[in-house]
N, C-alpha and C. Protein backbone atom coordinates (compact mmCIF):
# COMPACT_ATOMS: atom_id res chain seq x y z
N UNK A 1 -38.90 -66.38 40.89
CA UNK A 1 -39.54 -65.69 39.79
C UNK A 1 -38.79 -64.40 39.43
N UNK A 2 -38.37 -63.66 40.46
CA UNK A 2 -37.67 -62.41 40.22
C UNK A 2 -36.33 -62.66 39.55
N UNK A 3 -35.66 -63.73 39.96
CA UNK A 3 -34.35 -64.05 39.38
C UNK A 3 -34.50 -64.45 37.92
N UNK A 4 -35.58 -65.11 37.60
CA UNK A 4 -35.81 -65.51 36.20
C UNK A 4 -36.02 -64.26 35.35
N UNK A 5 -36.76 -63.30 35.86
CA UNK A 5 -37.00 -62.05 35.14
C UNK A 5 -35.68 -61.33 34.88
N UNK A 6 -34.83 -61.25 35.89
CA UNK A 6 -33.54 -60.58 35.73
C UNK A 6 -32.67 -61.35 34.75
N UNK A 7 -32.71 -62.68 34.81
CA UNK A 7 -31.94 -63.50 33.88
C UNK A 7 -32.38 -63.23 32.44
N UNK A 8 -33.69 -63.15 32.21
CA UNK A 8 -34.19 -62.86 30.86
C UNK A 8 -33.79 -61.46 30.40
N UNK A 9 -33.82 -60.49 31.29
CA UNK A 9 -33.40 -59.14 30.93
C UNK A 9 -31.93 -59.11 30.53
N UNK A 10 -31.09 -59.78 31.31
CA UNK A 10 -29.66 -59.82 30.98
C UNK A 10 -29.42 -60.54 29.66
N UNK A 11 -30.11 -61.63 29.44
CA UNK A 11 -29.96 -62.37 28.18
C UNK A 11 -30.44 -61.51 27.01
N UNK A 12 -31.52 -60.78 27.20
CA UNK A 12 -32.02 -59.90 26.15
C UNK A 12 -31.03 -58.80 25.81
N UNK A 13 -30.41 -58.23 26.83
CA UNK A 13 -29.40 -57.21 26.58
C UNK A 13 -28.20 -57.78 25.84
N UNK A 14 -27.79 -58.98 26.20
CA UNK A 14 -26.66 -59.62 25.52
C UNK A 14 -27.01 -59.89 24.05
N UNK A 15 -28.20 -60.40 23.80
CA UNK A 15 -28.61 -60.65 22.41
C UNK A 15 -28.72 -59.37 21.62
N UNK A 16 -29.21 -58.33 22.25
CA UNK A 16 -29.32 -57.03 21.59
C UNK A 16 -27.95 -56.53 21.16
N UNK A 17 -26.97 -56.68 22.03
CA UNK A 17 -25.62 -56.25 21.72
C UNK A 17 -25.03 -57.08 20.59
N UNK A 18 -25.19 -58.37 20.64
CA UNK A 18 -24.64 -59.23 19.60
C UNK A 18 -25.32 -58.97 18.26
N UNK A 19 -26.59 -58.68 18.27
CA UNK A 19 -27.32 -58.42 17.03
C UNK A 19 -26.96 -57.10 16.40
N UNK A 20 -26.32 -56.21 17.14
CA UNK A 20 -26.00 -54.88 16.62
C UNK A 20 -24.54 -54.74 16.24
N UNK A 21 -23.79 -55.82 16.19
CA UNK A 21 -22.37 -55.73 15.88
C UNK A 21 -22.12 -55.14 14.50
N UNK A 22 -22.99 -55.43 13.53
CA UNK A 22 -22.81 -54.90 12.18
C UNK A 22 -23.44 -53.53 11.99
N UNK A 23 -24.00 -52.98 13.03
CA UNK A 23 -24.68 -51.70 12.94
C UNK A 23 -23.68 -50.57 12.73
N UNK A 24 -24.13 -49.51 12.06
CA UNK A 24 -23.28 -48.34 11.83
C UNK A 24 -23.33 -47.39 13.02
N UNK A 25 -24.22 -47.63 13.96
CA UNK A 25 -24.36 -46.73 15.10
C UNK A 25 -24.00 -47.48 16.38
N UNK A 26 -24.04 -46.77 17.46
CA UNK A 26 -23.69 -47.34 18.76
C UNK A 26 -24.93 -47.68 19.59
N UNK A 27 -26.00 -48.11 18.93
CA UNK A 27 -27.23 -48.42 19.66
C UNK A 27 -27.05 -49.61 20.60
N UNK A 28 -26.29 -50.61 20.19
CA UNK A 28 -26.06 -51.77 21.05
C UNK A 28 -25.30 -51.40 22.31
N UNK A 29 -24.22 -50.65 22.12
CA UNK A 29 -23.44 -50.23 23.28
C UNK A 29 -24.28 -49.34 24.20
N UNK A 30 -25.06 -48.46 23.58
CA UNK A 30 -25.92 -47.57 24.37
C UNK A 30 -26.94 -48.35 25.18
N UNK A 31 -27.49 -49.42 24.58
CA UNK A 31 -28.48 -50.23 25.28
C UNK A 31 -27.84 -50.93 26.48
N UNK A 32 -26.65 -51.46 26.29
CA UNK A 32 -25.98 -52.16 27.40
C UNK A 32 -25.63 -51.19 28.51
N UNK A 33 -25.00 -50.08 28.15
CA UNK A 33 -24.61 -49.10 29.17
C UNK A 33 -25.85 -48.55 29.88
N UNK A 34 -26.85 -48.18 29.10
CA UNK A 34 -28.09 -47.67 29.70
C UNK A 34 -28.76 -48.70 30.58
N UNK A 35 -28.77 -49.96 30.13
CA UNK A 35 -29.38 -51.03 30.92
C UNK A 35 -28.66 -51.23 32.24
N UNK A 36 -27.33 -51.23 32.21
CA UNK A 36 -26.56 -51.40 33.44
C UNK A 36 -26.76 -50.22 34.40
N UNK A 37 -26.70 -49.01 33.85
CA UNK A 37 -26.91 -47.84 34.70
C UNK A 37 -28.34 -47.80 35.25
N UNK A 38 -29.30 -48.13 34.38
CA UNK A 38 -30.70 -48.14 34.82
C UNK A 38 -30.95 -49.20 35.87
N UNK A 39 -30.35 -50.39 35.70
CA UNK A 39 -30.52 -51.46 36.68
C UNK A 39 -29.92 -51.06 38.02
N UNK A 40 -28.77 -50.43 37.98
CA UNK A 40 -28.13 -49.98 39.21
C UNK A 40 -28.99 -48.94 39.92
N UNK A 41 -29.39 -47.92 39.16
CA UNK A 41 -30.21 -46.87 39.77
C UNK A 41 -31.55 -47.42 40.25
N UNK A 42 -32.18 -48.26 39.42
CA UNK A 42 -33.46 -48.84 39.81
C UNK A 42 -33.34 -49.74 41.04
N UNK A 43 -32.23 -50.48 41.11
CA UNK A 43 -32.01 -51.33 42.27
C UNK A 43 -31.85 -50.54 43.55
N UNK A 44 -31.12 -49.43 43.44
CA UNK A 44 -30.90 -48.58 44.61
C UNK A 44 -32.22 -47.95 45.06
N UNK A 45 -32.95 -47.41 44.11
CA UNK A 45 -34.23 -46.77 44.44
C UNK A 45 -35.22 -47.82 44.95
N UNK A 46 -35.28 -48.96 44.26
CA UNK A 46 -36.20 -50.02 44.68
C UNK A 46 -35.86 -50.60 46.03
N UNK A 47 -34.58 -50.65 46.36
CA UNK A 47 -34.15 -51.19 47.66
C UNK A 47 -34.70 -50.33 48.80
N UNK A 48 -34.82 -49.05 48.58
CA UNK A 48 -35.35 -48.16 49.61
C UNK A 48 -36.80 -48.48 49.95
N UNK A 49 -37.53 -49.03 48.99
CA UNK A 49 -38.93 -49.39 49.25
C UNK A 49 -39.10 -50.91 49.32
N UNK A 50 -38.00 -51.62 49.54
CA UNK A 50 -38.00 -53.08 49.69
C UNK A 50 -38.45 -53.81 48.43
N UNK A 51 -38.19 -53.23 47.28
CA UNK A 51 -38.50 -53.85 45.99
C UNK A 51 -37.29 -53.70 45.06
N UNK A 52 -36.14 -54.11 45.56
CA UNK A 52 -34.88 -53.91 44.84
C UNK A 52 -34.84 -54.60 43.49
N UNK A 53 -35.28 -55.86 43.42
CA UNK A 53 -35.22 -56.58 42.15
C UNK A 53 -36.18 -56.01 41.12
N UNK A 54 -37.37 -55.66 41.56
CA UNK A 54 -38.31 -55.06 40.62
C UNK A 54 -37.79 -53.72 40.12
N UNK A 55 -37.22 -52.94 41.02
CA UNK A 55 -36.66 -51.65 40.64
C UNK A 55 -35.52 -51.81 39.66
N UNK A 56 -34.68 -52.83 39.90
CA UNK A 56 -33.56 -53.09 38.99
C UNK A 56 -34.07 -53.51 37.62
N UNK A 57 -35.10 -54.33 37.58
CA UNK A 57 -35.65 -54.80 36.31
C UNK A 57 -36.27 -53.64 35.53
N UNK A 58 -37.04 -52.83 36.20
CA UNK A 58 -37.66 -51.68 35.53
C UNK A 58 -36.59 -50.69 35.08
N UNK A 59 -35.61 -50.45 35.95
CA UNK A 59 -34.51 -49.54 35.59
C UNK A 59 -33.70 -50.05 34.41
N UNK A 60 -33.46 -51.36 34.37
CA UNK A 60 -32.70 -51.95 33.26
C UNK A 60 -33.46 -51.79 31.94
N UNK A 61 -34.75 -52.05 31.97
CA UNK A 61 -35.55 -51.94 30.75
C UNK A 61 -35.59 -50.49 30.27
N UNK A 62 -35.86 -49.57 31.17
CA UNK A 62 -35.92 -48.15 30.79
C UNK A 62 -34.56 -47.65 30.34
N UNK A 63 -33.51 -48.05 31.05
CA UNK A 63 -32.16 -47.62 30.68
C UNK A 63 -31.72 -48.18 29.34
N UNK A 64 -32.04 -49.45 29.09
CA UNK A 64 -31.66 -50.06 27.81
C UNK A 64 -32.37 -49.38 26.65
N UNK A 65 -33.64 -49.10 26.81
CA UNK A 65 -34.38 -48.42 25.75
C UNK A 65 -33.82 -47.03 25.49
N UNK A 66 -33.61 -46.28 26.55
CA UNK A 66 -33.07 -44.93 26.41
C UNK A 66 -31.66 -44.97 25.83
N UNK A 67 -30.83 -45.89 26.32
CA UNK A 67 -29.47 -46.02 25.81
C UNK A 67 -29.43 -46.39 24.34
N UNK A 68 -30.34 -47.28 23.92
CA UNK A 68 -30.39 -47.67 22.50
C UNK A 68 -30.80 -46.48 21.63
N UNK A 69 -31.72 -45.68 22.11
CA UNK A 69 -32.16 -44.51 21.34
C UNK A 69 -31.02 -43.51 21.22
N UNK A 70 -30.36 -43.22 22.33
CA UNK A 70 -29.25 -42.26 22.31
C UNK A 70 -28.09 -42.82 21.48
N UNK A 71 -27.74 -44.08 21.70
CA UNK A 71 -26.64 -44.69 20.95
C UNK A 71 -26.91 -44.76 19.47
N UNK A 72 -28.17 -44.88 19.10
CA UNK A 72 -28.53 -44.92 17.69
C UNK A 72 -28.26 -43.61 16.97
N UNK A 73 -28.07 -42.55 17.71
CA UNK A 73 -27.78 -41.25 17.11
C UNK A 73 -26.27 -41.01 16.99
N UNK A 74 -25.45 -41.92 17.51
CA UNK A 74 -24.00 -41.75 17.49
C UNK A 74 -23.40 -42.66 16.43
N UNK A 75 -22.69 -42.08 15.49
CA UNK A 75 -22.07 -42.82 14.40
C UNK A 75 -20.79 -43.48 14.88
N UNK A 76 -20.56 -44.75 14.50
CA UNK A 76 -19.31 -45.42 14.81
C UNK A 76 -18.21 -44.82 13.94
N UNK A 77 -16.99 -44.70 14.49
CA UNK A 77 -15.88 -44.16 13.68
C UNK A 77 -15.63 -45.04 12.45
N UNK A 78 -15.33 -44.40 11.35
CA UNK A 78 -15.00 -45.13 10.14
C UNK A 78 -16.20 -45.66 9.37
N UNK A 79 -17.41 -45.34 9.81
CA UNK A 79 -18.61 -45.80 9.13
C UNK A 79 -19.14 -44.69 8.24
N UNK A 80 -19.67 -45.03 7.07
CA UNK A 80 -20.28 -44.00 6.24
C UNK A 80 -21.53 -43.46 6.91
N UNK A 81 -21.88 -42.25 6.58
CA UNK A 81 -23.07 -41.62 7.17
C UNK A 81 -24.31 -42.44 6.83
N UNK A 82 -25.20 -42.53 7.80
CA UNK A 82 -26.45 -43.24 7.58
C UNK A 82 -27.35 -42.44 6.67
N UNK A 83 -28.09 -43.14 5.86
CA UNK A 83 -29.09 -42.47 5.04
C UNK A 83 -30.45 -43.03 5.40
N UNK A 84 -31.41 -42.15 5.48
CA UNK A 84 -32.78 -42.57 5.76
C UNK A 84 -33.67 -42.02 4.67
N UNK A 85 -34.91 -42.38 4.72
CA UNK A 85 -35.84 -41.90 3.71
C UNK A 85 -36.01 -40.39 3.73
N UNK A 86 -35.73 -39.76 4.87
CA UNK A 86 -35.89 -38.32 4.95
C UNK A 86 -34.60 -37.58 4.65
N UNK A 87 -33.50 -38.31 4.47
CA UNK A 87 -32.23 -37.65 4.19
C UNK A 87 -32.20 -37.21 2.74
N UNK A 88 -31.79 -35.99 2.53
CA UNK A 88 -31.70 -35.46 1.18
C UNK A 88 -30.38 -35.94 0.57
N UNK A 89 -30.42 -36.35 -0.67
CA UNK A 89 -29.21 -36.81 -1.34
C UNK A 89 -28.22 -35.66 -1.43
N UNK A 90 -26.94 -36.01 -1.59
CA UNK A 90 -25.91 -34.99 -1.71
C UNK A 90 -26.24 -34.05 -2.86
N UNK A 91 -25.94 -32.79 -2.67
CA UNK A 91 -26.26 -31.78 -3.66
C UNK A 91 -25.28 -31.90 -4.82
N UNK A 92 -25.76 -32.32 -6.00
CA UNK A 92 -24.85 -32.45 -7.14
C UNK A 92 -24.36 -31.10 -7.66
N UNK A 93 -25.04 -30.02 -7.29
CA UNK A 93 -24.65 -28.68 -7.73
C UNK A 93 -23.77 -27.95 -6.72
N UNK A 94 -23.39 -28.65 -5.63
CA UNK A 94 -22.59 -28.03 -4.57
C UNK A 94 -21.32 -27.43 -5.14
N UNK A 95 -21.12 -26.15 -4.86
CA UNK A 95 -19.90 -25.48 -5.30
C UNK A 95 -18.79 -25.79 -4.30
N UNK A 96 -17.56 -25.73 -4.75
CA UNK A 96 -16.42 -25.96 -3.87
C UNK A 96 -15.78 -24.62 -3.52
N UNK A 97 -14.96 -24.65 -2.51
CA UNK A 97 -14.22 -23.45 -2.12
C UNK A 97 -13.32 -23.01 -3.27
N UNK A 98 -12.72 -23.99 -3.95
CA UNK A 98 -11.83 -23.66 -5.07
C UNK A 98 -12.59 -22.98 -6.21
N UNK A 99 -13.84 -23.39 -6.44
CA UNK A 99 -14.64 -22.72 -7.48
C UNK A 99 -14.92 -21.27 -7.10
N UNK A 100 -15.18 -21.03 -5.82
CA UNK A 100 -15.43 -19.67 -5.35
C UNK A 100 -14.17 -18.83 -5.55
N UNK A 101 -13.02 -19.39 -5.17
CA UNK A 101 -11.75 -18.68 -5.34
C UNK A 101 -11.51 -18.38 -6.81
N UNK A 102 -11.74 -19.36 -7.67
CA UNK A 102 -11.51 -19.17 -9.11
C UNK A 102 -12.40 -18.07 -9.68
N UNK A 103 -13.67 -18.05 -9.28
CA UNK A 103 -14.57 -17.00 -9.74
C UNK A 103 -14.08 -15.62 -9.29
N UNK A 104 -13.61 -15.55 -8.04
CA UNK A 104 -13.11 -14.28 -7.52
C UNK A 104 -11.87 -13.83 -8.29
N UNK A 105 -10.96 -14.78 -8.57
CA UNK A 105 -9.73 -14.44 -9.31
C UNK A 105 -10.03 -14.03 -10.74
N UNK A 106 -11.11 -14.55 -11.30
CA UNK A 106 -11.50 -14.18 -12.66
C UNK A 106 -12.17 -12.81 -12.70
N UNK A 107 -12.41 -12.24 -11.54
CA UNK A 107 -13.00 -10.90 -11.48
C UNK A 107 -14.52 -10.89 -11.51
N UNK A 108 -15.14 -12.03 -11.22
CA UNK A 108 -16.61 -12.07 -11.20
C UNK A 108 -17.12 -11.16 -10.08
N UNK A 109 -18.19 -10.47 -10.35
CA UNK A 109 -18.81 -9.58 -9.38
C UNK A 109 -19.26 -10.41 -8.18
N UNK A 110 -19.08 -9.86 -6.98
CA UNK A 110 -19.45 -10.61 -5.77
C UNK A 110 -20.93 -10.98 -5.74
N UNK A 111 -21.79 -10.14 -6.32
CA UNK A 111 -23.22 -10.46 -6.36
C UNK A 111 -23.49 -11.67 -7.26
N UNK A 112 -22.71 -11.81 -8.32
CA UNK A 112 -22.85 -12.97 -9.21
C UNK A 112 -22.44 -14.24 -8.46
N UNK A 113 -21.32 -14.16 -7.73
CA UNK A 113 -20.86 -15.32 -6.96
C UNK A 113 -21.88 -15.70 -5.90
N UNK A 114 -22.40 -14.71 -5.19
CA UNK A 114 -23.40 -14.96 -4.15
C UNK A 114 -24.65 -15.60 -4.75
N UNK A 115 -25.08 -15.11 -5.92
CA UNK A 115 -26.24 -15.71 -6.59
C UNK A 115 -25.97 -17.17 -6.96
N UNK A 116 -24.76 -17.46 -7.44
CA UNK A 116 -24.42 -18.84 -7.79
C UNK A 116 -24.45 -19.74 -6.55
N UNK A 117 -23.97 -19.22 -5.43
CA UNK A 117 -23.99 -19.98 -4.17
C UNK A 117 -25.44 -20.30 -3.79
N UNK A 118 -26.28 -19.29 -3.86
CA UNK A 118 -27.68 -19.47 -3.45
C UNK A 118 -28.45 -20.33 -4.44
N UNK A 119 -28.26 -20.10 -5.74
CA UNK A 119 -28.99 -20.88 -6.75
C UNK A 119 -28.58 -22.35 -6.76
N UNK A 120 -27.33 -22.61 -6.44
CA UNK A 120 -26.87 -24.01 -6.40
C UNK A 120 -27.17 -24.66 -5.06
N UNK A 121 -27.72 -23.88 -4.13
CA UNK A 121 -28.04 -24.36 -2.78
C UNK A 121 -26.80 -24.95 -2.11
N UNK A 122 -25.65 -24.31 -2.33
CA UNK A 122 -24.40 -24.79 -1.76
C UNK A 122 -24.31 -24.45 -0.29
N UNK A 123 -23.85 -25.41 0.49
CA UNK A 123 -23.69 -25.25 1.93
C UNK A 123 -22.21 -25.43 2.26
N UNK A 124 -21.68 -24.55 3.06
CA UNK A 124 -20.28 -24.62 3.45
C UNK A 124 -20.17 -24.62 4.97
N UNK A 125 -19.27 -25.43 5.47
CA UNK A 125 -18.95 -25.47 6.89
C UNK A 125 -17.51 -24.97 7.01
N UNK A 126 -17.36 -23.65 7.02
CA UNK A 126 -16.03 -23.06 6.94
C UNK A 126 -15.33 -23.04 8.29
N UNK A 127 -14.07 -23.47 8.27
CA UNK A 127 -13.23 -23.37 9.46
C UNK A 127 -12.53 -22.01 9.42
N UNK A 128 -11.85 -21.67 10.49
CA UNK A 128 -11.11 -20.41 10.51
C UNK A 128 -9.99 -20.45 9.47
N UNK A 129 -9.40 -21.62 9.23
CA UNK A 129 -8.37 -21.75 8.20
C UNK A 129 -8.96 -21.51 6.81
N UNK A 130 -10.18 -22.03 6.58
CA UNK A 130 -10.85 -21.79 5.30
C UNK A 130 -11.09 -20.31 5.06
N UNK A 131 -11.55 -19.62 6.09
CA UNK A 131 -11.84 -18.19 5.97
C UNK A 131 -10.56 -17.42 5.70
N UNK A 132 -9.48 -17.78 6.39
CA UNK A 132 -8.19 -17.11 6.15
C UNK A 132 -7.73 -17.34 4.72
N UNK A 133 -7.86 -18.56 4.23
CA UNK A 133 -7.48 -18.89 2.86
C UNK A 133 -8.30 -18.08 1.85
N UNK A 134 -9.61 -18.02 2.08
CA UNK A 134 -10.48 -17.27 1.17
C UNK A 134 -10.08 -15.79 1.12
N UNK A 135 -9.80 -15.22 2.28
CA UNK A 135 -9.40 -13.82 2.33
C UNK A 135 -8.07 -13.60 1.62
N UNK A 136 -7.12 -14.53 1.81
CA UNK A 136 -5.82 -14.43 1.14
C UNK A 136 -5.96 -14.51 -0.37
N UNK A 137 -6.97 -15.22 -0.82
CA UNK A 137 -7.18 -15.40 -2.25
C UNK A 137 -8.03 -14.27 -2.86
N UNK A 138 -8.41 -13.31 -2.04
CA UNK A 138 -9.13 -12.15 -2.55
C UNK A 138 -10.64 -12.30 -2.60
N UNK A 139 -11.19 -13.28 -1.91
CA UNK A 139 -12.65 -13.45 -1.87
C UNK A 139 -13.21 -12.40 -0.90
N UNK A 140 -14.25 -11.71 -1.34
CA UNK A 140 -14.81 -10.62 -0.53
C UNK A 140 -15.52 -11.15 0.72
N UNK A 141 -15.62 -10.28 1.71
CA UNK A 141 -16.29 -10.64 2.96
C UNK A 141 -17.76 -10.96 2.72
N UNK A 142 -18.40 -10.26 1.79
CA UNK A 142 -19.81 -10.54 1.49
C UNK A 142 -20.00 -11.94 0.94
N UNK A 143 -19.06 -12.40 0.10
CA UNK A 143 -19.13 -13.76 -0.43
C UNK A 143 -18.91 -14.77 0.71
N UNK A 144 -17.95 -14.50 1.55
CA UNK A 144 -17.68 -15.39 2.70
C UNK A 144 -18.92 -15.46 3.59
N UNK A 145 -19.56 -14.33 3.81
CA UNK A 145 -20.79 -14.32 4.62
C UNK A 145 -21.87 -15.19 3.97
N UNK A 146 -22.00 -15.09 2.65
CA UNK A 146 -22.99 -15.90 1.93
C UNK A 146 -22.66 -17.38 2.05
N UNK A 147 -21.37 -17.70 2.01
CA UNK A 147 -20.96 -19.10 2.14
C UNK A 147 -21.32 -19.64 3.52
N UNK A 148 -21.30 -18.76 4.52
CA UNK A 148 -21.65 -19.15 5.88
C UNK A 148 -23.13 -19.10 6.15
N UNK A 149 -23.91 -18.76 5.13
CA UNK A 149 -25.36 -18.72 5.28
C UNK A 149 -25.88 -17.45 5.91
N UNK A 150 -25.10 -16.44 5.93
CA UNK A 150 -25.53 -15.16 6.53
C UNK A 150 -26.19 -14.27 5.51
């Protein structure tokens, strides 16, 4: 009976992995890895109380579930970002770094640029190279701070 239970668990993990091949996330891989680690840990713990197979089965189930949840949060390389019902669509009013530079070169007041950033709800993830470029182009520190959400 115990061997049949383990056989069904292994078959379920295999089917779960095969069914997730087209997935954009790593939930299938996470389920398999979590299931194997959980089965190992559960088997070791269960063996101490003379219930190794039951411990392995419970560990596999818990590990597979946890692994699938964690793997579902990891995007596969080369896949477009997942969208869900709670994801906000891309901001069509998003300003670009080049637009900020152009406004600065045109002599726009920094408060006007900052207001445009805030009113357009523009979000920037500036690297150190971006910040250096902005400074070289004459963008004020206050505008850079606004771009960083400060």
